[in-house]
Amino acid sequence: MPRSDQGATFERYKVIPRTLIFVTRGDQVLLLMGASDKRLWANKYNGIGGHVERGEDIRAAAERELAEEAGICVSPLWLCGTIMVDVYEDTGICIFVFRAEYLGGVLKPGREGGLRWVARDELARLPLVDDLYKMLPKILAMTRERPPFSAHYSYDGDDRLQIVYEGELL
């Protein structure tokens, strides 16, 4: 198919692709606390991830981000779901959410923030990125056999995040 047939015009809705990875070790999940000087989610816990660069496929981007931000060995990544985030009228974000099991290695400190293994029963008491309180338990309950979930985020008139997870408002 020629480039002209792709329908990639400026009038269309556009998305910025990102990855988000959750590594588990038994009953623990590896989280990254955003550095205090980060523009986004400073002093809040999130998974590991980032932007997809030109020329990368989604899995390669997730593997690169995991190597850059944690430097550990994991089982093969598996896609848990996708999240479409409507940010502006014409632009959004598409987050590809992965999981993996920890296989070994020493956590490497990075400029993004500090890494910490967190017990699942401790998650509700931590300062998480806002959507993780509802989404992370669902992600951690998934099995490899289950098809990836689909979620949609948008903002209401008061700029509050609205989460629809597989058709259900959370």
N, C-alpha and C. Protein backbone atom coordinates (compact mmCIF):
# COMPACT_ATOMS: atom_id res chain seq x y z
N MET A 1 0.84 -1.17 0.00
CA MET A 1 0.00 0.00 0.00
C MET A 1 0.90 1.24 0.00
N PRO A 2 0.68 2.15 -0.89
CA PRO A 2 1.50 3.36 -0.91
C PRO A 2 1.20 4.27 0.29
N ARG A 3 2.16 5.11 0.63
CA ARG A 3 2.03 6.03 1.74
C ARG A 3 0.76 6.88 1.62
N SER A 4 0.43 7.29 0.42
CA SER A 4 -0.74 8.15 0.20
C SER A 4 -2.05 7.46 0.55
N ASP A 5 -2.07 6.14 0.59
CA ASP A 5 -3.29 5.39 0.91
C ASP A 5 -3.46 5.12 2.41
N GLN A 6 -2.53 5.56 3.23
CA GLN A 6 -2.59 5.29 4.68
C GLN A 6 -3.62 6.15 5.41
N GLY A 7 -4.07 7.24 4.79
CA GLY A 7 -5.07 8.09 5.45
C GLY A 7 -4.52 8.89 6.61
N ALA A 8 -3.21 9.10 6.65
CA ALA A 8 -2.57 9.84 7.74
C ALA A 8 -2.53 11.32 7.41
N THR A 9 -3.66 11.96 7.56
CA THR A 9 -3.75 13.39 7.27
C THR A 9 -3.84 14.17 8.58
N PHE A 10 -3.54 15.44 8.53
CA PHE A 10 -3.53 16.26 9.74
C PHE A 10 -4.92 16.46 10.32
N GLU A 11 -5.97 16.25 9.54
CA GLU A 11 -7.33 16.42 10.04
C GLU A 11 -7.75 15.25 10.93
N ARG A 12 -7.07 14.12 10.85
CA ARG A 12 -7.46 12.92 11.59
C ARG A 12 -6.98 12.99 13.03
N TYR A 13 -7.62 12.23 13.87
CA TYR A 13 -7.19 12.06 15.26
C TYR A 13 -5.84 11.38 15.27
N LYS A 14 -4.91 11.86 16.07
CA LYS A 14 -3.55 11.32 16.13
C LYS A 14 -3.25 10.86 17.56
N VAL A 15 -2.43 9.83 17.67
CA VAL A 15 -2.03 9.36 19.00
C VAL A 15 -0.52 9.27 19.10
N ILE A 16 -0.05 9.47 20.32
CA ILE A 16 1.35 9.32 20.66
C ILE A 16 1.48 7.96 21.35
N PRO A 17 2.27 7.04 20.82
CA PRO A 17 2.38 5.71 21.44
C PRO A 17 3.34 5.69 22.62
N ARG A 18 2.92 5.01 23.68
CA ARG A 18 3.76 4.84 24.88
C ARG A 18 3.65 3.41 25.37
N THR A 19 4.60 3.03 26.19
CA THR A 19 4.58 1.71 26.82
C THR A 19 4.53 1.87 28.33
N LEU A 20 3.99 0.87 29.00
CA LEU A 20 3.94 0.82 30.46
C LEU A 20 4.12 -0.63 30.86
N ILE A 21 5.12 -0.91 31.68
CA ILE A 21 5.47 -2.28 32.02
C ILE A 21 5.40 -2.49 33.53
N PHE A 22 4.77 -3.59 33.93
CA PHE A 22 4.72 -3.98 35.33
C PHE A 22 5.43 -5.32 35.47
N VAL A 23 6.50 -5.33 36.27
CA VAL A 23 7.28 -6.53 36.51
C VAL A 23 6.89 -7.06 37.88
N THR A 24 6.59 -8.36 37.94
CA THR A 24 6.20 -8.96 39.21
C THR A 24 7.25 -9.96 39.67
N ARG A 25 7.29 -10.12 40.99
CA ARG A 25 8.18 -11.09 41.65
C ARG A 25 7.37 -11.65 42.81
N GLY A 26 6.79 -12.82 42.60
CA GLY A 26 5.90 -13.38 43.62
C GLY A 26 4.72 -12.45 43.83
N ASP A 27 4.53 -12.00 45.08
CA ASP A 27 3.42 -11.12 45.42
C ASP A 27 3.81 -9.64 45.36
N GLN A 28 4.92 -9.34 44.72
CA GLN A 28 5.39 -7.96 44.64
C GLN A 28 5.39 -7.47 43.20
N VAL A 29 5.28 -6.16 43.06
CA VAL A 29 5.36 -5.51 41.75
C VAL A 29 6.43 -4.43 41.84
N LEU A 30 7.20 -4.30 40.78
CA LEU A 30 8.26 -3.29 40.72
C LEU A 30 7.66 -1.98 40.25
N LEU A 31 7.82 -0.93 41.07
CA LEU A 31 7.30 0.38 40.71
C LEU A 31 8.43 1.41 40.73
N LEU A 32 8.22 2.44 39.97
CA LEU A 32 9.19 3.53 39.86
C LEU A 32 8.57 4.76 40.50
N MET A 33 9.26 5.32 41.50
CA MET A 33 8.77 6.57 42.07
C MET A 33 9.40 7.70 41.29
N GLY A 34 8.55 8.52 40.68
CA GLY A 34 9.04 9.63 39.88
C GLY A 34 9.92 10.56 40.70
N ALA A 35 11.04 10.95 40.13
CA ALA A 35 11.95 11.88 40.80
C ALA A 35 11.21 13.16 41.14
N SER A 36 11.61 13.82 42.21
CA SER A 36 10.91 15.03 42.67
C SER A 36 10.97 16.17 41.66
N ASP A 37 11.92 16.14 40.74
CA ASP A 37 12.03 17.21 39.74
C ASP A 37 11.39 16.85 38.40
N LYS A 38 10.70 15.70 38.35
CA LYS A 38 10.02 15.32 37.10
C LYS A 38 8.82 16.22 36.85
N ARG A 39 8.59 16.52 35.59
CA ARG A 39 7.43 17.33 35.21
C ARG A 39 6.15 16.53 35.41
N LEU A 40 6.18 15.25 35.08
CA LEU A 40 5.02 14.38 35.20
C LEU A 40 5.20 13.41 36.37
N TRP A 41 4.19 13.20 37.13
CA TRP A 41 4.09 12.30 38.27
C TRP A 41 5.30 12.31 39.22
N ALA A 42 5.77 13.52 39.57
CA ALA A 42 6.83 13.65 40.57
C ALA A 42 6.33 13.09 41.90
N ASN A 43 7.20 12.32 42.56
CA ASN A 43 6.93 11.73 43.87
C ASN A 43 5.72 10.78 43.88
N LYS A 44 5.37 10.25 42.73
CA LYS A 44 4.29 9.25 42.65
C LYS A 44 4.85 7.99 42.01
N TYR A 45 4.26 6.86 42.40
CA TYR A 45 4.68 5.57 41.85
C TYR A 45 3.94 5.26 40.55
N ASN A 46 4.67 4.66 39.63
CA ASN A 46 4.11 4.24 38.35
C ASN A 46 4.87 2.99 37.91
N GLY A 47 4.42 2.39 36.83
CA GLY A 47 5.18 1.31 36.24
C GLY A 47 6.37 1.89 35.48
N ILE A 48 7.08 1.05 34.80
CA ILE A 48 8.23 1.46 34.01
C ILE A 48 7.77 1.61 32.56
N GLY A 49 8.26 2.60 31.87
CA GLY A 49 7.87 2.75 30.47
C GLY A 49 8.23 4.10 29.91
N GLY A 50 7.67 4.38 28.74
CA GLY A 50 7.95 5.66 28.10
C GLY A 50 7.47 5.66 26.67
N HIS A 51 8.01 6.60 25.91
CA HIS A 51 7.61 6.81 24.53
C HIS A 51 8.18 5.76 23.59
N VAL A 52 7.45 5.52 22.53
CA VAL A 52 7.92 4.68 21.43
C VAL A 52 8.64 5.60 20.46
N GLU A 53 9.85 5.24 20.11
CA GLU A 53 10.66 6.06 19.19
C GLU A 53 10.41 5.62 17.75
N ARG A 54 10.65 6.52 16.83
CA ARG A 54 10.51 6.22 15.41
C ARG A 54 11.37 5.01 15.05
N GLY A 55 10.79 4.08 14.30
CA GLY A 55 11.51 2.89 13.87
C GLY A 55 11.40 1.71 14.83
N GLU A 56 10.81 1.91 16.01
CA GLU A 56 10.65 0.82 16.98
C GLU A 56 9.26 0.21 16.86
N ASP A 57 9.20 -1.10 17.08
CA ASP A 57 7.88 -1.68 17.28
C ASP A 57 7.57 -1.55 18.76
N ILE A 58 6.33 -1.82 19.13
CA ILE A 58 5.88 -1.58 20.50
C ILE A 58 6.64 -2.42 21.51
N ARG A 59 6.82 -3.70 21.23
CA ARG A 59 7.53 -4.57 22.17
C ARG A 59 8.99 -4.15 22.31
N ALA A 60 9.64 -3.79 21.21
CA ALA A 60 11.03 -3.35 21.28
C ALA A 60 11.15 -2.08 22.12
N ALA A 61 10.18 -1.18 22.00
CA ALA A 61 10.19 0.04 22.80
C ALA A 61 10.06 -0.30 24.28
N ALA A 62 9.16 -1.23 24.61
CA ALA A 62 8.97 -1.63 26.01
C ALA A 62 10.25 -2.28 26.55
N GLU A 63 10.88 -3.13 25.76
CA GLU A 63 12.12 -3.77 26.20
C GLU A 63 13.22 -2.74 26.41
N ARG A 64 13.32 -1.75 25.51
CA ARG A 64 14.32 -0.70 25.65
C ARG A 64 14.08 0.11 26.93
N GLU A 65 12.83 0.51 27.16
CA GLU A 65 12.51 1.28 28.35
C GLU A 65 12.83 0.49 29.62
N LEU A 66 12.51 -0.78 29.63
CA LEU A 66 12.79 -1.62 30.78
C LEU A 66 14.30 -1.71 31.03
N ALA A 67 15.08 -1.88 29.98
CA ALA A 67 16.54 -1.94 30.12
C ALA A 67 17.10 -0.60 30.62
N GLU A 68 16.60 0.51 30.06
CA GLU A 68 17.09 1.83 30.45
C GLU A 68 16.74 2.19 31.89
N GLU A 69 15.53 1.84 32.31
CA GLU A 69 15.05 2.30 33.61
C GLU A 69 15.24 1.31 34.75
N ALA A 70 15.47 0.03 34.44
CA ALA A 70 15.62 -0.95 35.52
C ALA A 70 16.85 -1.83 35.36
N GLY A 71 17.22 -2.20 34.13
CA GLY A 71 18.41 -3.00 33.88
C GLY A 71 18.34 -4.42 34.42
N ILE A 72 17.15 -5.01 34.50
CA ILE A 72 17.01 -6.36 35.06
C ILE A 72 16.60 -7.34 33.97
N CYS A 73 16.67 -8.63 34.30
CA CYS A 73 16.22 -9.68 33.38
C CYS A 73 14.78 -10.05 33.73
N VAL A 74 13.97 -10.19 32.69
CA VAL A 74 12.57 -10.55 32.89
C VAL A 74 12.17 -11.64 31.91
N SER A 75 11.05 -12.29 32.21
CA SER A 75 10.46 -13.25 31.28
C SER A 75 9.98 -12.47 30.06
N PRO A 76 9.63 -13.16 28.98
CA PRO A 76 9.11 -12.42 27.82
C PRO A 76 7.91 -11.55 28.20
N LEU A 77 7.92 -10.33 27.71
CA LEU A 77 6.82 -9.41 27.96
C LEU A 77 5.54 -9.94 27.33
N TRP A 78 4.42 -9.74 27.98
CA TRP A 78 3.14 -10.08 27.37
C TRP A 78 2.20 -8.90 27.50
N LEU A 79 1.48 -8.68 26.42
CA LEU A 79 0.57 -7.55 26.33
C LEU A 79 -0.66 -7.80 27.18
N CYS A 80 -0.89 -6.92 28.16
CA CYS A 80 -2.08 -7.02 29.02
C CYS A 80 -3.24 -6.20 28.48
N GLY A 81 -2.92 -5.08 27.82
CA GLY A 81 -4.00 -4.25 27.33
C GLY A 81 -3.53 -2.97 26.68
N THR A 82 -4.51 -2.24 26.19
CA THR A 82 -4.26 -0.93 25.59
C THR A 82 -5.18 0.09 26.23
N ILE A 83 -4.65 1.30 26.36
CA ILE A 83 -5.43 2.40 26.92
C ILE A 83 -5.35 3.56 25.95
N MET A 84 -6.51 4.02 25.49
CA MET A 84 -6.57 5.21 24.66
C MET A 84 -6.91 6.38 25.57
N VAL A 85 -6.11 7.44 25.50
CA VAL A 85 -6.31 8.61 26.34
C VAL A 85 -6.60 9.80 25.43
N ASP A 86 -7.81 10.33 25.53
CA ASP A 86 -8.15 11.55 24.78
C ASP A 86 -7.61 12.73 25.56
N VAL A 87 -6.58 13.37 25.03
CA VAL A 87 -5.98 14.50 25.71
C VAL A 87 -6.53 15.81 25.15
N TYR A 88 -6.52 15.93 23.85
CA TYR A 88 -7.07 17.11 23.17
C TYR A 88 -8.06 16.63 22.11
N GLU A 89 -8.72 17.55 21.46
CA GLU A 89 -9.69 17.20 20.43
C GLU A 89 -9.09 16.35 19.32
N ASP A 90 -7.85 16.68 18.92
CA ASP A 90 -7.25 16.01 17.77
C ASP A 90 -6.06 15.12 18.12
N THR A 91 -5.69 15.06 19.41
CA THR A 91 -4.49 14.30 19.79
C THR A 91 -4.72 13.54 21.09
N GLY A 92 -4.23 12.33 21.11
CA GLY A 92 -4.32 11.52 22.31
C GLY A 92 -3.06 10.69 22.50
N ILE A 93 -3.15 9.76 23.42
CA ILE A 93 -2.04 8.87 23.75
C ILE A 93 -2.58 7.45 23.70
N CYS A 94 -1.80 6.54 23.17
CA CYS A 94 -2.14 5.13 23.20
C CYS A 94 -1.07 4.43 24.04
N ILE A 95 -1.48 3.85 25.16
CA ILE A 95 -0.55 3.19 26.08
C ILE A 95 -0.70 1.68 25.91
N PHE A 96 0.41 1.03 25.64
CA PHE A 96 0.46 -0.42 25.53
C PHE A 96 1.00 -0.95 26.86
N VAL A 97 0.16 -1.68 27.59
CA VAL A 97 0.48 -2.14 28.94
C VAL A 97 0.99 -3.58 28.88
N PHE A 98 2.18 -3.80 29.42
CA PHE A 98 2.81 -5.12 29.44
C PHE A 98 3.06 -5.58 30.86
N ARG A 99 3.22 -6.90 30.99
CA ARG A 99 3.67 -7.52 32.25
C ARG A 99 4.80 -8.45 31.94
N ALA A 100 5.59 -8.73 32.97
CA ALA A 100 6.67 -9.71 32.88
C ALA A 100 7.01 -10.17 34.29
N GLU A 101 7.62 -11.32 34.36
CA GLU A 101 8.10 -11.85 35.64
C GLU A 101 9.60 -11.57 35.77
N TYR A 102 10.00 -11.18 36.95
CA TYR A 102 11.40 -10.92 37.26
C TYR A 102 12.19 -12.22 37.21
N LEU A 103 13.32 -12.20 36.51
CA LEU A 103 14.18 -13.39 36.43
C LEU A 103 15.51 -13.20 37.13
N GLY A 104 15.86 -11.97 37.46
CA GLY A 104 17.12 -11.73 38.15
C GLY A 104 17.78 -10.43 37.73
N GLY A 105 18.89 -10.16 38.38
CA GLY A 105 19.63 -8.95 38.10
C GLY A 105 19.46 -7.93 39.21
N VAL A 106 20.37 -6.98 39.22
CA VAL A 106 20.36 -5.93 40.22
C VAL A 106 19.69 -4.70 39.63
N LEU A 107 18.75 -4.14 40.38
CA LEU A 107 18.08 -2.94 39.92
C LEU A 107 19.10 -1.82 39.73
N LYS A 108 19.00 -1.15 38.61
CA LYS A 108 19.94 -0.07 38.33
C LYS A 108 19.25 1.26 38.56
N PRO A 109 19.86 2.12 39.38
CA PRO A 109 19.24 3.43 39.58
C PRO A 109 19.28 4.25 38.30
N GLY A 110 18.25 5.03 38.08
CA GLY A 110 18.19 5.83 36.86
C GLY A 110 17.76 7.26 37.15
N ARG A 111 17.77 8.08 36.13
CA ARG A 111 17.42 9.49 36.29
C ARG A 111 15.92 9.71 36.41
N GLU A 112 15.12 8.68 36.05
CA GLU A 112 13.66 8.81 36.09
C GLU A 112 13.11 8.78 37.51
N GLY A 113 13.84 8.10 38.42
CA GLY A 113 13.38 7.99 39.80
C GLY A 113 13.87 6.69 40.41
N GLY A 114 13.42 6.41 41.64
CA GLY A 114 13.85 5.22 42.36
C GLY A 114 12.92 4.05 42.14
N LEU A 115 13.51 2.86 42.06
CA LEU A 115 12.75 1.63 41.89
C LEU A 115 12.52 0.97 43.23
N ARG A 116 11.35 0.35 43.38
CA ARG A 116 11.02 -0.31 44.65
C ARG A 116 10.09 -1.48 44.40
N TRP A 117 10.38 -2.60 45.04
CA TRP A 117 9.47 -3.74 45.04
C TRP A 117 8.40 -3.46 46.08
N VAL A 118 7.14 -3.57 45.68
CA VAL A 118 6.02 -3.25 46.55
C VAL A 118 5.08 -4.45 46.63
N ALA A 119 4.72 -4.83 47.86
CA ALA A 119 3.75 -5.91 48.05
C ALA A 119 2.38 -5.44 47.56
N ARG A 120 1.62 -6.34 46.95
CA ARG A 120 0.31 -5.98 46.40
C ARG A 120 -0.61 -5.38 47.46
N ASP A 121 -0.55 -5.89 48.68
CA ASP A 121 -1.46 -5.38 49.72
C ASP A 121 -1.05 -4.00 50.22
N GLU A 122 0.08 -3.49 49.79
CA GLU A 122 0.55 -2.16 50.18
C GLU A 122 0.18 -1.09 49.15
N LEU A 123 -0.25 -1.50 47.96
CA LEU A 123 -0.47 -0.55 46.86
C LEU A 123 -1.44 0.57 47.20
N ALA A 124 -2.54 0.27 47.86
CA ALA A 124 -3.57 1.27 48.14
C ALA A 124 -3.09 2.36 49.07
N ARG A 125 -2.00 2.12 49.81
CA ARG A 125 -1.50 3.10 50.77
C ARG A 125 -0.37 3.97 50.21
N LEU A 126 0.02 3.74 48.97
CA LEU A 126 1.13 4.49 48.37
C LEU A 126 0.62 5.64 47.50
N PRO A 127 1.44 6.65 47.28
CA PRO A 127 1.06 7.71 46.34
C PRO A 127 1.29 7.24 44.90
N LEU A 128 0.28 6.60 44.33
CA LEU A 128 0.36 6.09 42.97
C LEU A 128 -0.10 7.16 41.98
N VAL A 129 0.30 7.02 40.72
CA VAL A 129 -0.29 7.81 39.65
C VAL A 129 -1.79 7.50 39.71
N ASP A 130 -2.61 8.53 39.57
CA ASP A 130 -4.04 8.44 39.87
C ASP A 130 -4.77 7.23 39.31
N ASP A 131 -4.56 6.88 38.05
CA ASP A 131 -5.32 5.79 37.45
C ASP A 131 -4.92 4.41 37.96
N LEU A 132 -3.73 4.29 38.56
CA LEU A 132 -3.26 2.97 38.99
C LEU A 132 -4.05 2.38 40.15
N TYR A 133 -4.68 3.21 40.96
CA TYR A 133 -5.47 2.66 42.07
C TYR A 133 -6.56 1.73 41.55
N LYS A 134 -7.12 2.05 40.40
CA LYS A 134 -8.19 1.24 39.83
C LYS A 134 -7.67 0.22 38.82
N MET A 135 -6.65 0.59 38.06
CA MET A 135 -6.19 -0.27 36.97
C MET A 135 -5.19 -1.34 37.41
N LEU A 136 -4.28 -1.00 38.31
CA LEU A 136 -3.21 -1.94 38.66
C LEU A 136 -3.73 -3.26 39.24
N PRO A 137 -4.72 -3.27 40.13
CA PRO A 137 -5.23 -4.57 40.60
C PRO A 137 -5.76 -5.43 39.45
N LYS A 138 -6.40 -4.81 38.47
CA LYS A 138 -6.92 -5.55 37.32
C LYS A 138 -5.77 -6.11 36.49
N ILE A 139 -4.75 -5.32 36.28
CA ILE A 139 -3.59 -5.75 35.49
C ILE A 139 -2.87 -6.90 36.19
N LEU A 140 -2.70 -6.79 37.50
CA LEU A 140 -1.97 -7.82 38.24
C LEU A 140 -2.78 -9.12 38.37
N ALA A 141 -4.09 -9.05 38.22
CA ALA A 141 -4.94 -10.24 38.29
C ALA A 141 -5.01 -10.98 36.96
N MET A 142 -4.51 -10.36 35.90
CA MET A 142 -4.60 -10.99 34.58
C MET A 142 -3.66 -12.18 34.45
N THR A 143 -4.04 -13.10 33.59
CA THR A 143 -3.19 -14.23 33.24
C THR A 143 -2.79 -14.12 31.78
N ARG A 144 -1.76 -14.83 31.41
CA ARG A 144 -1.29 -14.80 30.02
C ARG A 144 -2.36 -15.30 29.04
N GLU A 145 -3.23 -16.16 29.50
CA GLU A 145 -4.25 -16.75 28.63
C GLU A 145 -5.38 -15.78 28.31
N ARG A 146 -5.56 -14.78 29.14
CA ARG A 146 -6.67 -13.84 28.95
C ARG A 146 -6.32 -12.86 27.83
N PRO A 147 -7.29 -12.54 26.98
CA PRO A 147 -7.02 -11.55 25.93
C PRO A 147 -6.74 -10.18 26.55
N PRO A 148 -5.99 -9.34 25.86
CA PRO A 148 -5.69 -8.00 26.40
C PRO A 148 -6.97 -7.19 26.63
N PHE A 149 -6.95 -6.39 27.69
CA PHE A 149 -8.09 -5.51 27.98
C PHE A 149 -8.02 -4.27 27.09
N SER A 150 -9.10 -3.53 27.09
CA SER A 150 -9.18 -2.28 26.35
C SER A 150 -9.79 -1.24 27.27
N ALA A 151 -9.13 -0.09 27.39
CA ALA A 151 -9.64 0.98 28.25
C ALA A 151 -9.60 2.31 27.50
N HIS A 152 -10.43 3.23 27.95
CA HIS A 152 -10.48 4.57 27.35
C HIS A 152 -10.50 5.59 28.47
N TYR A 153 -9.60 6.57 28.40
CA TYR A 153 -9.55 7.66 29.37
C TYR A 153 -9.94 8.94 28.65
N SER A 154 -10.67 9.79 29.36
CA SER A 154 -10.99 11.12 28.86
C SER A 154 -11.10 12.04 30.07
N TYR A 155 -11.32 13.30 29.81
CA TYR A 155 -11.41 14.29 30.88
C TYR A 155 -12.79 14.95 30.84
N ASP A 156 -13.38 15.15 32.03
CA ASP A 156 -14.68 15.81 32.09
C ASP A 156 -14.48 17.33 32.06
N GLY A 157 -15.56 18.08 32.19
CA GLY A 157 -15.51 19.53 32.13
C GLY A 157 -14.67 20.18 33.22
N ASP A 158 -14.45 19.45 34.32
CA ASP A 158 -13.61 19.96 35.42
C ASP A 158 -12.20 19.41 35.36
N ASP A 159 -11.83 18.84 34.21
CA ASP A 159 -10.49 18.29 33.96
C ASP A 159 -10.16 17.09 34.86
N ARG A 160 -11.20 16.36 35.27
CA ARG A 160 -11.01 15.14 36.06
C ARG A 160 -10.96 13.95 35.11
N LEU A 161 -10.05 13.04 35.39
CA LEU A 161 -9.87 11.86 34.56
C LEU A 161 -11.06 10.93 34.71
N GLN A 162 -11.60 10.49 33.58
CA GLN A 162 -12.68 9.52 33.53
C GLN A 162 -12.11 8.24 32.91
N ILE A 163 -12.31 7.10 33.58
CA ILE A 163 -11.75 5.83 33.12
C ILE A 163 -12.88 4.88 32.76
N VAL A 164 -12.86 4.39 31.53
CA VAL A 164 -13.81 3.36 31.11
C VAL A 164 -12.98 2.13 30.78
N TYR A 165 -13.19 1.08 31.58
CA TYR A 165 -12.44 -0.16 31.45
C TYR A 165 -13.38 -1.22 30.88
N GLU A 166 -13.13 -1.65 29.66
CA GLU A 166 -13.96 -2.63 28.98
C GLU A 166 -15.44 -2.30 29.09
N GLY A 167 -15.76 -1.04 28.81
CA GLY A 167 -17.15 -0.60 28.80
C GLY A 167 -17.71 -0.17 30.12
N GLU A 168 -16.97 -0.34 31.22
CA GLU A 168 -17.45 -0.01 32.57
C GLU A 168 -16.72 1.22 33.10
N LEU A 169 -17.48 2.23 33.54
CA LEU A 169 -16.89 3.42 34.13
C LEU A 169 -16.34 3.07 35.50
N LEU A 170 -15.06 3.34 35.69
CA LEU A 170 -14.44 3.04 37.00
C LEU A 170 -14.40 4.28 37.89
